[in-house]
Amino acid sequence: MQWHIRSDAPVYAQLVEHITLAIITGEFSPGARLPSVRELAADAGVNPNTMQRAFAELERDGLVQTQRTAGRTVTDDAARIERAKQRLAAASIEAFWEAMRRLGYDRDAALALLKNREGN
């Protein structure tokens, strides 16, 4: 997994986003066992406590489950994964609209840009 940690957002929130994206895209399959906190923290270059905080958030969201004997696994609830996918898509769309507003484009002008871009 490629980790791209930025300075503009809390690290744990970025870890949640990265792992959520890995679940949505199938990098971590439904029902699959996840690497340990220490393994993922070392891979991402972050403190294990920060990775633990990210996992706690993913558990609250229901995307990850902790089982005493099996460690952490990805949920096998396809509907929950789809809802997470829709949340990420909505956040991306909102970020796009905000960027267009900052550039001075209204909704119609931004849509026109998108339509012109489709042809390229």
PDB file of N, CA and C in Angstrom:
ATOM      1  N   MET A   1       0.854  -1.170   0.000  1.00  0.00           N
ATOM      2  CA  MET A   1       0.000   0.000   0.000  1.00  0.00           C
ATOM      3  C   MET A   1       0.898   1.231   0.000  1.00  0.00           C
ATOM      4  N   GLN A   2       0.553   2.192  -0.819  1.00  0.00           N
ATOM      5  CA  GLN A   2       1.285   3.455  -0.877  1.00  0.00           C
ATOM      6  C   GLN A   2       0.680   4.431   0.134  1.00  0.00           C
ATOM      7  N   TRP A   3       1.491   4.934   1.027  1.00  0.00           N
ATOM      8  CA  TRP A   3       1.042   5.890   2.025  1.00  0.00           C
ATOM      9  C   TRP A   3       1.523   7.276   1.621  1.00  0.00           C
ATOM     10  N   HIS A   4       0.614   8.222   1.577  1.00  0.00           N
ATOM     11  CA  HIS A   4       0.954   9.608   1.277  1.00  0.00           C
ATOM     12  C   HIS A   4       0.409  10.461   2.416  1.00  0.00           C
ATOM     13  N   ILE A   5       1.238  10.696   3.410  1.00  0.00           N
ATOM     14  CA  ILE A   5       0.820  11.460   4.579  1.00  0.00           C
ATOM     15  C   ILE A   5       1.145  12.937   4.339  1.00  0.00           C
ATOM     16  N   ARG A   6       0.103  13.755   4.429  1.00  0.00           N
ATOM     17  CA  ARG A   6       0.240  15.194   4.198  1.00  0.00           C
ATOM     18  C   ARG A   6       0.291  15.933   5.540  1.00  0.00           C
ATOM     19  N   SER A   7       0.687  17.172   5.486  1.00  0.00           N
ATOM     20  CA  SER A   7       0.757  17.967   6.713  1.00  0.00           C
ATOM     21  C   SER A   7      -0.509  18.792   6.947  1.00  0.00           C
ATOM     22  N   ASP A   8      -1.483  18.700   6.038  1.00  0.00           N
ATOM     23  CA  ASP A   8      -2.670  19.552   6.132  1.00  0.00           C
ATOM     24  C   ASP A   8      -3.853  18.909   6.862  1.00  0.00           C
ATOM     25  N   ALA A   9      -3.666  17.701   7.371  1.00  0.00           N
ATOM     26  CA  ALA A   9      -4.766  17.014   8.064  1.00  0.00           C
ATOM     27  C   ALA A   9      -4.176  16.091   9.129  1.00  0.00           C
ATOM     28  N   PRO A  10      -4.957  15.755  10.168  1.00  0.00           N
ATOM     29  CA  PRO A  10      -4.447  14.854  11.195  1.00  0.00           C
ATOM     30  C   PRO A  10      -4.014  13.509  10.582  1.00  0.00           C
ATOM     31  N   VAL A  11      -2.901  12.994  11.071  1.00  0.00           N
ATOM     32  CA  VAL A  11      -2.351  11.759  10.517  1.00  0.00           C
ATOM     33  C   VAL A  11      -3.341  10.606  10.664  1.00  0.00           C
ATOM     34  N   TYR A  12      -3.968  10.465  11.845  1.00  0.00           N
ATOM     35  CA  TYR A  12      -4.873   9.332  12.039  1.00  0.00           C
ATOM     36  C   TYR A  12      -6.031   9.384  11.044  1.00  0.00           C
ATOM     37  N   ALA A  13      -6.528  10.581  10.735  1.00  0.00           N
ATOM     38  CA  ALA A  13      -7.634  10.721   9.784  1.00  0.00           C
ATOM     39  C   ALA A  13      -7.191  10.298   8.382  1.00  0.00           C
ATOM     40  N   GLN A  14      -5.947  10.616   8.029  1.00  0.00           N
ATOM     41  CA  GLN A  14      -5.419  10.202   6.735  1.00  0.00           C
ATOM     42  C   GLN A  14      -5.251   8.676   6.688  1.00  0.00           C
ATOM     43  N   LEU A  15      -4.848   8.089   7.801  1.00  0.00           N
ATOM     44  CA  LEU A  15      -4.712   6.631   7.859  1.00  0.00           C
ATOM     45  C   LEU A  15      -6.078   5.966   7.681  1.00  0.00           C
ATOM     46  N   VAL A  16      -7.088   6.525   8.333  1.00  0.00           N
ATOM     47  CA  VAL A  16      -8.455   6.001   8.183  1.00  0.00           C
ATOM     48  C   VAL A  16      -8.853   6.055   6.723  1.00  0.00           C
ATOM     49  N   GLU A  17      -8.583   7.186   6.064  1.00  0.00           N
ATOM     50  CA  GLU A  17      -8.946   7.343   4.660  1.00  0.00           C
ATOM     51  C   GLU A  17      -8.199   6.329   3.782  1.00  0.00           C
ATOM     52  N   HIS A  18      -6.901   6.158   4.016  1.00  0.00           N
ATOM     53  CA  HIS A  18      -6.110   5.212   3.226  1.00  0.00           C
ATOM     54  C   HIS A  18      -6.624   3.782   3.380  1.00  0.00           C
ATOM     55  N   ILE A  19      -6.886   3.384   4.620  1.00  0.00           N
ATOM     56  CA  ILE A  19      -7.341   2.012   4.864  1.00  0.00           C
ATOM     57  C   ILE A  19      -8.751   1.819   4.326  1.00  0.00           C
ATOM     58  N   THR A  20      -9.606   2.820   4.491  1.00  0.00           N
ATOM     59  CA  THR A  20     -10.958   2.748   3.932  1.00  0.00           C
ATOM     60  C   THR A  20     -10.887   2.575   2.421  1.00  0.00           C
ATOM     61  N   LEU A  21     -10.036   3.346   1.784  1.00  0.00           N
ATOM     62  CA  LEU A  21      -9.874   3.237   0.333  1.00  0.00           C
ATOM     63  C   LEU A  21      -9.360   1.843  -0.056  1.00  0.00           C
ATOM     64  N   ALA A  22      -8.447   1.300   0.732  1.00  0.00           N
ATOM     65  CA  ALA A  22      -7.930  -0.045   0.457  1.00  0.00           C
ATOM     66  C   ALA A  22      -9.038  -1.089   0.592  1.00  0.00           C
ATOM     67  N   ILE A  23      -9.950  -0.879   1.518  1.00  0.00           N
ATOM     68  CA  ILE A  23     -11.085  -1.803   1.680  1.00  0.00           C
ATOM     69  C   ILE A  23     -12.042  -1.655   0.505  1.00  0.00           C
ATOM     70  N   ILE A  24     -12.359  -0.425   0.146  1.00  0.00           N
ATOM     71  CA  ILE A  24     -13.300  -0.162  -0.947  1.00  0.00           C
ATOM     72  C   ILE A  24     -12.792  -0.716  -2.272  1.00  0.00           C
ATOM     73  N   THR A  25     -11.506  -0.576  -2.520  1.00  0.00           N
ATOM     74  CA  THR A  25     -10.940  -1.017  -3.799  1.00  0.00           C
ATOM     75  C   THR A  25     -10.599  -2.498  -3.817  1.00  0.00           C
ATOM     76  N   GLY A  26     -10.753  -3.174  -2.685  1.00  0.00           N
ATOM     77  CA  GLY A  26     -10.494  -4.611  -2.638  1.00  0.00           C
ATOM     78  C   GLY A  26      -9.065  -4.983  -2.315  1.00  0.00           C
ATOM     79  N   GLU A  27      -8.233  -3.995  -2.038  1.00  0.00           N
ATOM     80  CA  GLU A  27      -6.864  -4.312  -1.623  1.00  0.00           C
ATOM     81  C   GLU A  27      -6.905  -5.137  -0.337  1.00  0.00           C
ATOM     82  N   PHE A  28      -7.840  -4.779   0.545  1.00  0.00           N
ATOM     83  CA  PHE A  28      -8.171  -5.597   1.714  1.00  0.00           C
ATOM     84  C   PHE A  28      -9.574  -6.135   1.460  1.00  0.00           C
ATOM     85  N   SER A  29      -9.682  -7.407   1.170  1.00  0.00           N
ATOM     86  CA  SER A  29     -10.958  -8.024   0.787  1.00  0.00           C
ATOM     87  C   SER A  29     -11.910  -8.142   1.979  1.00  0.00           C
ATOM     88  N   PRO A  30     -13.221  -8.159   1.698  1.00  0.00           N
ATOM     89  CA  PRO A  30     -14.194  -8.385   2.774  1.00  0.00           C
ATOM     90  C   PRO A  30     -13.876  -9.693   3.500  1.00  0.00           C
ATOM     91  N   GLY A  31     -13.858  -9.615   4.823  1.00  0.00           N
ATOM     92  CA  GLY A  31     -13.584 -10.784   5.650  1.00  0.00           C
ATOM     93  C   GLY A  31     -12.108 -11.099   5.833  1.00  0.00           C
ATOM     94  N   ALA A  32     -11.238 -10.397   5.128  1.00  0.00           N
ATOM     95  CA  ALA A  32      -9.802 -10.694   5.194  1.00  0.00           C
ATOM     96  C   ALA A  32      -9.196 -10.209   6.508  1.00  0.00           C
ATOM     97  N   ARG A  33      -8.181 -10.933   6.941  1.00  0.00           N
ATOM     98  CA  ARG A  33      -7.433 -10.528   8.123  1.00  0.00           C
ATOM     99  C   ARG A  33      -6.501  -9.386   7.729  1.00  0.00           C
ATOM    100  N   LEU A  34      -6.452  -8.362   8.578  1.00  0.00           N
ATOM    101  CA  LEU A  34      -5.602  -7.204   8.328  1.00  0.00           C
ATOM    102  C   LEU A  34      -4.227  -7.394   8.964  1.00  0.00           C
ATOM    103  N   PRO A  35      -3.219  -6.759   8.404  1.00  0.00           N
ATOM    104  CA  PRO A  35      -1.906  -6.780   9.060  1.00  0.00           C
ATOM    105  C   PRO A  35      -2.020  -6.167  10.457  1.00  0.00           C
ATOM    106  N   SER A  36      -1.055  -6.452  11.301  1.00  0.00           N
ATOM    107  CA  SER A  36      -1.088  -5.917  12.660  1.00  0.00           C
ATOM    108  C   SER A  36      -0.880  -4.408  12.663  1.00  0.00           C
ATOM    109  N   VAL A  37      -1.232  -3.806  13.792  1.00  0.00           N
ATOM    110  CA  VAL A  37      -1.040  -2.377  13.977  1.00  0.00           C
ATOM    111  C   VAL A  37       0.432  -2.023  13.768  1.00  0.00           C
ATOM    112  N   ARG A  38       1.310  -2.810  14.368  1.00  0.00           N
ATOM    113  CA  ARG A  38       2.747  -2.526  14.256  1.00  0.00           C
ATOM    114  C   ARG A  38       3.233  -2.640  12.808  1.00  0.00           C
ATOM    115  N   GLU A  39       2.762  -3.655  12.097  1.00  0.00           N
ATOM    116  CA  GLU A  39       3.165  -3.819  10.692  1.00  0.00           C
ATOM    117  C   GLU A  39       2.726  -2.624   9.849  1.00  0.00           C
ATOM    118  N   LEU A  40       1.462  -2.265   9.966  1.00  0.00           N
ATOM    119  CA  LEU A  40       0.951  -1.145   9.178  1.00  0.00           C
ATOM    120  C   LEU A  40       1.602   0.174   9.588  1.00  0.00           C
ATOM    121  N   ALA A  41       1.838   0.362  10.890  1.00  0.00           N
ATOM    122  CA  ALA A  41       2.481   1.591  11.358  1.00  0.00           C
ATOM    123  C   ALA A  41       3.897   1.701  10.786  1.00  0.00           C
ATOM    124  N   ALA A  42       4.621   0.598  10.794  1.00  0.00           N
ATOM    125  CA  ALA A  42       5.975   0.610  10.240  1.00  0.00           C
ATOM    126  C   ALA A  42       5.932   0.888   8.740  1.00  0.00           C
ATOM    127  N   ASP A  43       4.981   0.276   8.050  1.00  0.00           N
ATOM    128  CA  ASP A  43       4.842   0.468   6.611  1.00  0.00           C
ATOM    129  C   ASP A  43       4.514   1.927   6.269  1.00  0.00           C
ATOM    130  N   ALA A  44       3.658   2.545   7.087  1.00  0.00           N
ATOM    131  CA  ALA A  44       3.241   3.927   6.851  1.00  0.00           C
ATOM    132  C   ALA A  44       4.233   4.941   7.414  1.00  0.00           C
ATOM    133  N   GLY A  45       5.125   4.480   8.287  1.00  0.00           N
ATOM    134  CA  GLY A  45       6.084   5.387   8.906  1.00  0.00           C
ATOM    135  C   GLY A  45       5.456   6.264   9.972  1.00  0.00           C
ATOM    136  N   VAL A  46       4.499   5.692  10.713  1.00  0.00           N
ATOM    137  CA  VAL A  46       3.826   6.449  11.765  1.00  0.00           C
ATOM    138  C   VAL A  46       3.941   5.709  13.092  1.00  0.00           C
ATOM    139  N   ASN A  47       3.614   6.396  14.157  1.00  0.00           N
ATOM    140  CA  ASN A  47       3.624   5.819  15.487  1.00  0.00           C
ATOM    141  C   ASN A  47       2.516   4.764  15.593  1.00  0.00           C
ATOM    142  N   PRO A  48       2.800   3.606  16.211  1.00  0.00           N
ATOM    143  CA  PRO A  48       1.753   2.581  16.374  1.00  0.00           C
ATOM    144  C   PRO A  48       0.507   3.089  17.100  1.00  0.00           C
ATOM    145  N   ASN A  49       0.677   4.029  18.038  1.00  0.00           N
ATOM    146  CA  ASN A  49      -0.491   4.578  18.740  1.00  0.00           C
ATOM    147  C   ASN A  49      -1.405   5.338  17.779  1.00  0.00           C
ATOM    148  N   THR A  50      -0.803   5.996  16.799  1.00  0.00           N
ATOM    149  CA  THR A  50      -1.592   6.716  15.799  1.00  0.00           C
ATOM    150  C   THR A  50      -2.355   5.730  14.931  1.00  0.00           C
ATOM    151  N   MET A  51      -1.699   4.634  14.541  1.00  0.00           N
ATOM    152  CA  MET A  51      -2.374   3.600  13.752  1.00  0.00           C
ATOM    153  C   MET A  51      -3.486   2.960  14.576  1.00  0.00           C
ATOM    154  N   GLN A  52      -3.248   2.744  15.865  1.00  0.00           N
ATOM    155  CA  GLN A  52      -4.276   2.182  16.742  1.00  0.00           C
ATOM    156  C   GLN A  52      -5.495   3.093  16.786  1.00  0.00           C
ATOM    157  N   ARG A  53      -5.262   4.400  16.835  1.00  0.00           N
ATOM    158  CA  ARG A  53      -6.377   5.358  16.842  1.00  0.00           C
ATOM    159  C   ARG A  53      -7.169   5.256  15.540  1.00  0.00           C
ATOM    160  N   ALA A  54      -6.463   5.079  14.427  1.00  0.00           N
ATOM    161  CA  ALA A  54      -7.139   4.930  13.131  1.00  0.00           C
ATOM    162  C   ALA A  54      -7.990   3.663  13.128  1.00  0.00           C
ATOM    163  N   PHE A  55      -7.445   2.571  13.661  1.00  0.00           N
ATOM    164  CA  PHE A  55      -8.213   1.324  13.715  1.00  0.00           C
ATOM    165  C   PHE A  55      -9.442   1.466  14.602  1.00  0.00           C
ATOM    166  N   ALA A  56      -9.311   2.193  15.705  1.00  0.00           N
ATOM    167  CA  ALA A  56     -10.474   2.418  16.577  1.00  0.00           C
ATOM    168  C   ALA A  56     -11.580   3.137  15.811  1.00  0.00           C
ATOM    169  N   GLU A  57     -11.194   4.119  14.988  1.00  0.00           N
ATOM    170  CA  GLU A  57     -12.169   4.837  14.169  1.00  0.00           C
ATOM    171  C   GLU A  57     -12.809   3.912  13.135  1.00  0.00           C
ATOM    172  N   LEU A  58     -12.008   3.072  12.507  1.00  0.00           N
ATOM    173  CA  LEU A  58     -12.533   2.127  11.515  1.00  0.00           C
ATOM    174  C   LEU A  58     -13.480   1.121  12.164  1.00  0.00           C
ATOM    175  N   GLU A  59     -13.193   0.740  13.401  1.00  0.00           N
ATOM    176  CA  GLU A  59     -14.108  -0.154  14.128  1.00  0.00           C
ATOM    177  C   GLU A  59     -15.417   0.551  14.432  1.00  0.00           C
ATOM    178  N   ARG A  60     -15.345   1.823  14.842  1.00  0.00           N
ATOM    179  CA  ARG A  60     -16.583   2.583  15.102  1.00  0.00           C
ATOM    180  C   ARG A  60     -17.418   2.697  13.838  1.00  0.00           C
ATOM    181  N   ASP A  61     -16.753   2.841  12.693  1.00  0.00           N
ATOM    182  CA  ASP A  61     -17.455   2.917  11.411  1.00  0.00           C
ATOM    183  C   ASP A  61     -17.981   1.562  10.954  1.00  0.00           C
ATOM    184  N   GLY A  62     -17.515   0.491  11.594  1.00  0.00           N
ATOM    185  CA  GLY A  62     -17.978  -0.847  11.241  1.00  0.00           C
ATOM    186  C   GLY A  62     -17.254  -1.473  10.065  1.00  0.00           C
ATOM    187  N   LEU A  63     -16.185  -0.849   9.592  1.00  0.00           N
ATOM    188  CA  LEU A  63     -15.444  -1.410   8.463  1.00  0.00           C
ATOM    189  C   LEU A  63     -14.449  -2.481   8.903  1.00  0.00           C
ATOM    190  N   VAL A  64     -14.036  -2.408  10.157  1.00  0.00           N
ATOM    191  CA  VAL A  64     -13.066  -3.348  10.715  1.00  0.00           C
ATOM    192  C   VAL A  64     -13.647  -3.939  11.985  1.00  0.00           C
ATOM    193  N   GLN A  65     -13.363  -5.216  12.200  1.00  0.00           N
ATOM    194  CA  GLN A  65     -13.832  -5.908  13.405  1.00  0.00           C
ATOM    195  C   GLN A  65     -12.632  -6.536  14.095  1.00  0.00           C
ATOM    196  N   THR A  66     -12.657  -6.505  15.423  1.00  0.00           N
ATOM    197  CA  THR A  66     -11.595  -7.162  16.185  1.00  0.00           C
ATOM    198  C   THR A  66     -12.149  -8.435  16.781  1.00  0.00           C
ATOM    199  N   GLN A  67     -11.433  -9.524  16.534  1.00  0.00           N
ATOM    200  CA  GLN A  67     -11.812 -10.820  17.090  1.00  0.00           C
ATOM    201  C   GLN A  67     -10.625 -11.325  17.893  1.00  0.00           C
ATOM    202  N   ARG A  68     -10.884 -11.771  19.093  1.00  0.00           N
ATOM    203  CA  ARG A  68      -9.810 -12.158  20.007  1.00  0.00           C
ATOM    204  C   ARG A  68      -8.805 -13.119  19.384  1.00  0.00           C
ATOM    205  N   THR A  69      -9.277 -14.124  18.698  1.00  0.00           N
ATOM    206  CA  THR A  69      -8.358 -15.140  18.186  1.00  0.00           C
ATOM    207  C   THR A  69      -7.879 -14.864  16.773  1.00  0.00           C
ATOM    208  N   ALA A  70      -8.621 -14.065  16.008  1.00  0.00           N
ATOM    209  CA  ALA A  70      -8.277 -13.853  14.601  1.00  0.00           C
ATOM    210  C   ALA A  70      -7.673 -12.483  14.330  1.00  0.00           C
ATOM    211  N   GLY A  71      -7.558 -11.643  15.335  1.00  0.00           N
ATOM    212  CA  GLY A  71      -7.050 -10.295  15.108  1.00  0.00           C
ATOM    213  C   GLY A  71      -8.109  -9.423  14.463  1.00  0.00           C
ATOM    214  N   ARG A  72      -7.672  -8.479  13.682  1.00  0.00           N
ATOM    215  CA  ARG A  72      -8.612  -7.567  13.018  1.00  0.00           C
ATOM    216  C   ARG A  72      -8.917  -8.059  11.614  1.00  0.00           C
ATOM    217  N   THR A  73     -10.198  -7.977  11.262  1.00  0.00           N
ATOM    218  CA  THR A  73     -10.623  -8.372   9.928  1.00  0.00           C
ATOM    219  C   THR A  73     -11.500  -7.272   9.326  1.00  0.00           C
ATOM    220  N   VAL A  74     -11.554  -7.281   8.011  1.00  0.00           N
ATOM    221  CA  VAL A  74     -12.426  -6.365   7.279  1.00  0.00           C
ATOM    222  C   VAL A  74     -13.851  -6.902   7.383  1.00  0.00           C
ATOM    223  N   THR A  75     -14.812  -6.020   7.514  1.00  0.00           N
ATOM    224  CA  THR A  75     -16.205  -6.453   7.533  1.00  0.00           C
ATOM    225  C   THR A  75     -16.544  -7.187   6.237  1.00  0.00           C
ATOM    226  N   ASP A  76     -17.474  -8.106   6.327  1.00  0.00           N
ATOM    227  CA  ASP A  76     -17.940  -8.752   5.099  1.00  0.00           C
ATOM    228  C   ASP A  76     -19.309  -8.206   4.689  1.00  0.00           C
ATOM    229  N   ASP A  77     -19.702  -7.096   5.306  1.00  0.00           N
ATOM    230  CA  ASP A  77     -20.973  -6.432   5.017  1.00  0.00           C
ATOM    231  C   ASP A  77     -20.796  -5.532   3.783  1.00  0.00           C
ATOM    232  N   ALA A  78     -21.219  -6.028   2.635  1.00  0.00           N
ATOM    233  CA  ALA A  78     -21.050  -5.297   1.370  1.00  0.00           C
ATOM    234  C   ALA A  78     -21.781  -3.958   1.394  1.00  0.00           C
ATOM    235  N   ALA A  79     -22.918  -3.886   2.040  1.00  0.00           N
ATOM    236  CA  ALA A  79     -23.675  -2.631   2.112  1.00  0.00           C
ATOM    237  C   ALA A  79     -22.901  -1.580   2.907  1.00  0.00           C
ATOM    238  N   ARG A  80     -22.247  -1.990   3.973  1.00  0.00           N
ATOM    239  CA  ARG A  80     -21.453  -1.055   4.782  1.00  0.00           C
ATOM    240  C   ARG A  80     -20.268  -0.527   3.973  1.00  0.00           C
ATOM    241  N   ILE A  81     -19.640  -1.402   3.209  1.00  0.00           N
ATOM    242  CA  ILE A  81     -18.522  -0.989   2.358  1.00  0.00           C
ATOM    243  C   ILE A  81     -19.007  -0.032   1.280  1.00  0.00           C
ATOM    244  N   GLU A  82     -20.158  -0.305   0.704  1.00  0.00           N
ATOM    245  CA  GLU A  82     -20.725   0.585  -0.317  1.00  0.00           C
ATOM    246  C   GLU A  82     -21.037   1.958   0.270  1.00  0.00           C
ATOM    247  N   ARG A  83     -21.561   2.001   1.497  1.00  0.00           N
ATOM    248  CA  ARG A  83     -21.839   3.292   2.147  1.00  0.00           C
ATOM    249  C   ARG A  83     -20.547   4.077   2.370  1.00  0.00           C
ATOM    250  N   ALA A  84     -19.485   3.386   2.741  1.00  0.00           N
ATOM    251  CA  ALA A  84     -18.191   4.050   2.917  1.00  0.00           C
ATOM    252  C   ALA A  84     -17.698   4.598   1.582  1.00  0.00           C
ATOM    253  N   LYS A  85     -17.908   3.837   0.521  1.00  0.00           N
ATOM    254  CA  LYS A  85     -17.521   4.282  -0.817  1.00  0.00           C
ATOM    255  C   LYS A  85     -18.288   5.544  -1.193  1.00  0.00           C
ATOM    256  N   GLN A  86     -19.579   5.566  -0.920  1.00  0.00           N
ATOM    257  CA  GLN A  86     -20.401   6.732  -1.232  1.00  0.00           C
ATOM    258  C   GLN A  86     -19.983   7.945  -0.407  1.00  0.00           C
ATOM    259  N   ARG A  87     -19.606   7.730   0.860  1.00  0.00           N
ATOM    260  CA  ARG A  87     -19.134   8.841   1.704  1.00  0.00           C
ATOM    261  C   ARG A  87     -17.849   9.452   1.140  1.00  0.00           C
ATOM    262  N   LEU A  88     -16.913   8.602   0.719  1.00  0.00           N
ATOM    263  CA  LEU A  88     -15.669   9.108   0.134  1.00  0.00           C
ATOM    264  C   LEU A  88     -15.933   9.841  -1.175  1.00  0.00           C
ATOM    265  N   ALA A  89     -16.837   9.300  -1.979  1.00  0.00           N
ATOM    266  CA  ALA A  89     -17.181   9.958  -3.242  1.00  0.00           C
ATOM    267  C   ALA A  89     -17.806  11.324  -2.972  1.00  0.00           C
ATOM    268  N   ALA A  90     -18.704  11.396  -2.013  1.00  0.00           N
ATOM    269  CA  ALA A  90     -19.357  12.664  -1.681  1.00  0.00           C
ATOM    270  C   ALA A  90     -18.334  13.684  -1.189  1.00  0.00           C
ATOM    271  N   ALA A  91     -17.376  13.237  -0.386  1.00  0.00           N
ATOM    272  CA  ALA A  91     -16.340  14.152   0.108  1.00  0.00           C
ATOM    273  C   ALA A  91     -15.472  14.652  -1.046  1.00  0.00           C
ATOM    274  N   SER A  92     -15.173  13.786  -2.001  1.00  0.00           N
ATOM    275  CA  SER A  92     -14.379  14.192  -3.168  1.00  0.00           C
ATOM    276  C   SER A  92     -15.136  15.203  -4.013  1.00  0.00           C
ATOM    277  N   ILE A  93     -16.414  14.971  -4.199  1.00  0.00           N
ATOM    278  CA  ILE A  93     -17.236  15.898  -4.970  1.00  0.00           C
ATOM    279  C   ILE A  93     -17.301  17.251  -4.278  1.00  0.00           C
ATOM    280  N   GLU A  94     -17.496  17.242  -2.971  1.00  0.00           N
ATOM    281  CA  GLU A  94     -17.560  18.497  -2.226  1.00  0.00           C
ATOM    282  C   GLU A  94     -16.235  19.247  -2.317  1.00  0.00           C
ATOM    283  N   ALA A  95     -15.122  18.530  -2.244  1.00  0.00           N
ATOM    284  CA  ALA A  95     -13.804  19.167  -2.374  1.00  0.00           C
ATOM    285  C   ALA A  95     -13.653  19.789  -3.767  1.00  0.00           C
ATOM    286  N   PHE A  96     -14.155  19.097  -4.787  1.00  0.00           N
ATOM    287  CA  PHE A  96     -14.101  19.635  -6.146  1.00  0.00           C
ATOM    288  C   PHE A  96     -14.894  20.934  -6.238  1.00  0.00           C
ATOM    289  N   TRP A  97     -16.142  20.926  -5.737  1.00  0.00           N
ATOM    290  CA  TRP A  97     -16.966  22.132  -5.814  1.00  0.00           C
ATOM    291  C   TRP A  97     -16.326  23.283  -5.053  1.00  0.00           C
ATOM    292  N   GLU A  98     -15.739  22.994  -3.921  1.00  0.00           N
ATOM    293  CA  GLU A  98     -15.079  24.039  -3.137  1.00  0.00           C
ATOM    294  C   GLU A  98     -13.889  24.601  -3.903  1.00  0.00           C
ATOM    295  N   ALA A  99     -13.113  23.749  -4.547  1.00  0.00           N
ATOM    296  CA  ALA A  99     -11.973  24.218  -5.345  1.00  0.00           C
ATOM    297  C   ALA A  99     -12.455  25.085  -6.505  1.00  0.00           C
ATOM    298  N   MET A 100     -13.538  24.703  -7.143  1.00  0.00           N
ATOM    299  CA  MET A 100     -14.068  25.494  -8.252  1.00  0.00           C
ATOM    300  C   MET A 100     -14.551  26.857  -7.755  1.00  0.00           C
ATOM    301  N   ARG A 101     -15.206  26.897  -6.588  1.00  0.00           N
ATOM    302  CA  ARG A 101     -15.662  28.171  -6.011  1.00  0.00           C
ATOM    303  C   ARG A 101     -14.473  29.092  -5.730  1.00  0.00           C
ATOM    304  N   ARG A 102     -13.399  28.518  -5.187  1.00  0.00           N
ATOM    305  CA  ARG A 102     -12.204  29.325  -4.896  1.00  0.00           C
ATOM    306  C   ARG A 102     -11.578  29.875  -6.175  1.00  0.00           C
ATOM    307  N   LEU A 103     -11.695  29.122  -7.260  1.00  0.00           N
ATOM    308  CA  LEU A 103     -11.166  29.577  -8.538  1.00  0.00           C
ATOM    309  C   LEU A 103     -12.081  30.582  -9.234  1.00  0.00           C
ATOM    310  N   GLY A 104     -13.274  30.778  -8.667  1.00  0.00           N
ATOM    311  CA  GLY A 104     -14.192  31.755  -9.224  1.00  0.00           C
ATOM    312  C   GLY A 104     -15.217  31.185 -10.183  1.00  0.00           C
ATOM    313  N   TYR A 105     -15.334  29.874 -10.242  1.00  0.00           N
ATOM    314  CA  TYR A 105     -16.322  29.249 -11.118  1.00  0.00           C
ATOM    315  C   TYR A 105     -17.612  28.987 -10.353  1.00  0.00           C
ATOM    316  N   ASP A 106     -18.745  29.305 -10.990  1.00  0.00           N
ATOM    317  CA  ASP A 106     -20.017  28.881 -10.412  1.00  0.00           C
ATOM    318  C   ASP A 106     -20.297  27.456 -10.886  1.00  0.00           C
ATOM    319  N   ARG A 107     -21.391  26.896 -10.438  1.00  0.00           N
ATOM    320  CA  ARG A 107     -21.705  25.494 -10.733  1.00  0.00           C
ATOM    321  C   ARG A 107     -21.804  25.240 -12.243  1.00  0.00           C
ATOM    322  N   ASP A 108     -22.500  26.128 -12.972  1.00  0.00           N
ATOM    323  CA  ASP A 108     -22.675  25.941 -14.414  1.00  0.00           C
ATOM    324  C   ASP A 108     -21.343  25.996 -15.159  1.00  0.00           C
ATOM    325  N   ALA A 109     -20.489  26.939 -14.769  1.00  0.00           N
ATOM    326  CA  ALA A 109     -19.185  27.060 -15.427  1.00  0.00           C
ATOM    327  C   ALA A 109     -18.312  25.835 -15.131  1.00  0.00           C
ATOM    328  N   ALA A 110     -18.375  25.347 -13.899  1.00  0.00           N
ATOM    329  CA  ALA A 110     -17.600  24.157 -13.540  1.00  0.00           C
ATOM    330  C   ALA A 110     -18.099  22.939 -14.311  1.00  0.00           C
ATOM    331  N   LEU A 111     -19.414  22.811 -14.456  1.00  0.00           N
ATOM    332  CA  LEU A 111     -19.972  21.695 -15.229  1.00  0.00           C
ATOM    333  C   LEU A 111     -19.558  21.783 -16.695  1.00  0.00           C
ATOM    334  N   ALA A 112     -19.519  23.012 -17.233  1.00  0.00           N
ATOM    335  CA  ALA A 112     -19.078  23.201 -18.616  1.00  0.00           C
ATOM    336  C   ALA A 112     -17.619  22.761 -18.775  1.00  0.00           C
ATOM    337  N   LEU A 113     -16.790  23.091 -17.794  1.00  0.00           N
ATOM    338  CA  LEU A 113     -15.393  22.639 -17.818  1.00  0.00           C
ATOM    339  C   LEU A 113     -15.316  21.117 -17.837  1.00  0.00           C
ATOM    340  N   LEU A 114     -16.120  20.473 -17.007  1.00  0.00           N
ATOM    341  CA  LEU A 114     -16.127  19.012 -16.968  1.00  0.00           C
ATOM    342  C   LEU A 114     -16.550  18.415 -18.312  1.00  0.00           C
ATOM    343  N   LYS A 115     -17.596  18.987 -18.891  1.00  0.00           N
ATOM    344  CA  LYS A 115     -18.074  18.481 -20.178  1.00  0.00           C
ATOM    345  C   LYS A 115     -17.024  18.646 -21.271  1.00  0.00           C
ATOM    346  N   ASN A 116     -16.360  19.793 -21.296  1.00  0.00           N
ATOM    347  CA  ASN A 116     -15.290  20.011 -22.269  1.00  0.00           C
ATOM    348  C   ASN A 116     -14.139  19.053 -22.042  1.00  0.00           C
ATOM    349  N   ARG A 117     -13.867  18.729 -20.818  1.00  0.00           N
ATOM    350  CA  ARG A 117     -12.759  17.840 -20.451  1.00  0.00           C
ATOM    351  C   ARG A 117     -13.044  16.409 -20.900  1.00  0.00           C
ATOM    352  N   GLU A 118     -14.306  16.008 -20.888  1.00  0.00           N
ATOM    353  CA  GLU A 118     -14.690  14.643 -21.300  1.00  0.00           C
ATOM    354  C   GLU A 118     -14.257  14.360 -22.715  1.00  0.00           C
ATOM    355  N   GLY A 119     -14.316  15.371 -23.588  1.00  0.00           N
ATOM    356  CA  GLY A 119     -13.967  15.195 -24.993  1.00  0.00           C
ATOM    357  C   GLY A 119     -12.471  15.077 -25.227  1.00  0.00           C
ATOM    358  N   ASN A 120     -11.662  15.429 -24.262  1.00  0.00           N
ATOM    359  CA  ASN A 120     -10.192  15.398 -24.428  1.00  0.00           C
ATOM    360  C   ASN A 120      -9.611  14.061 -24.067  1.00  0.00           C
TER     361      ASN A 120
END
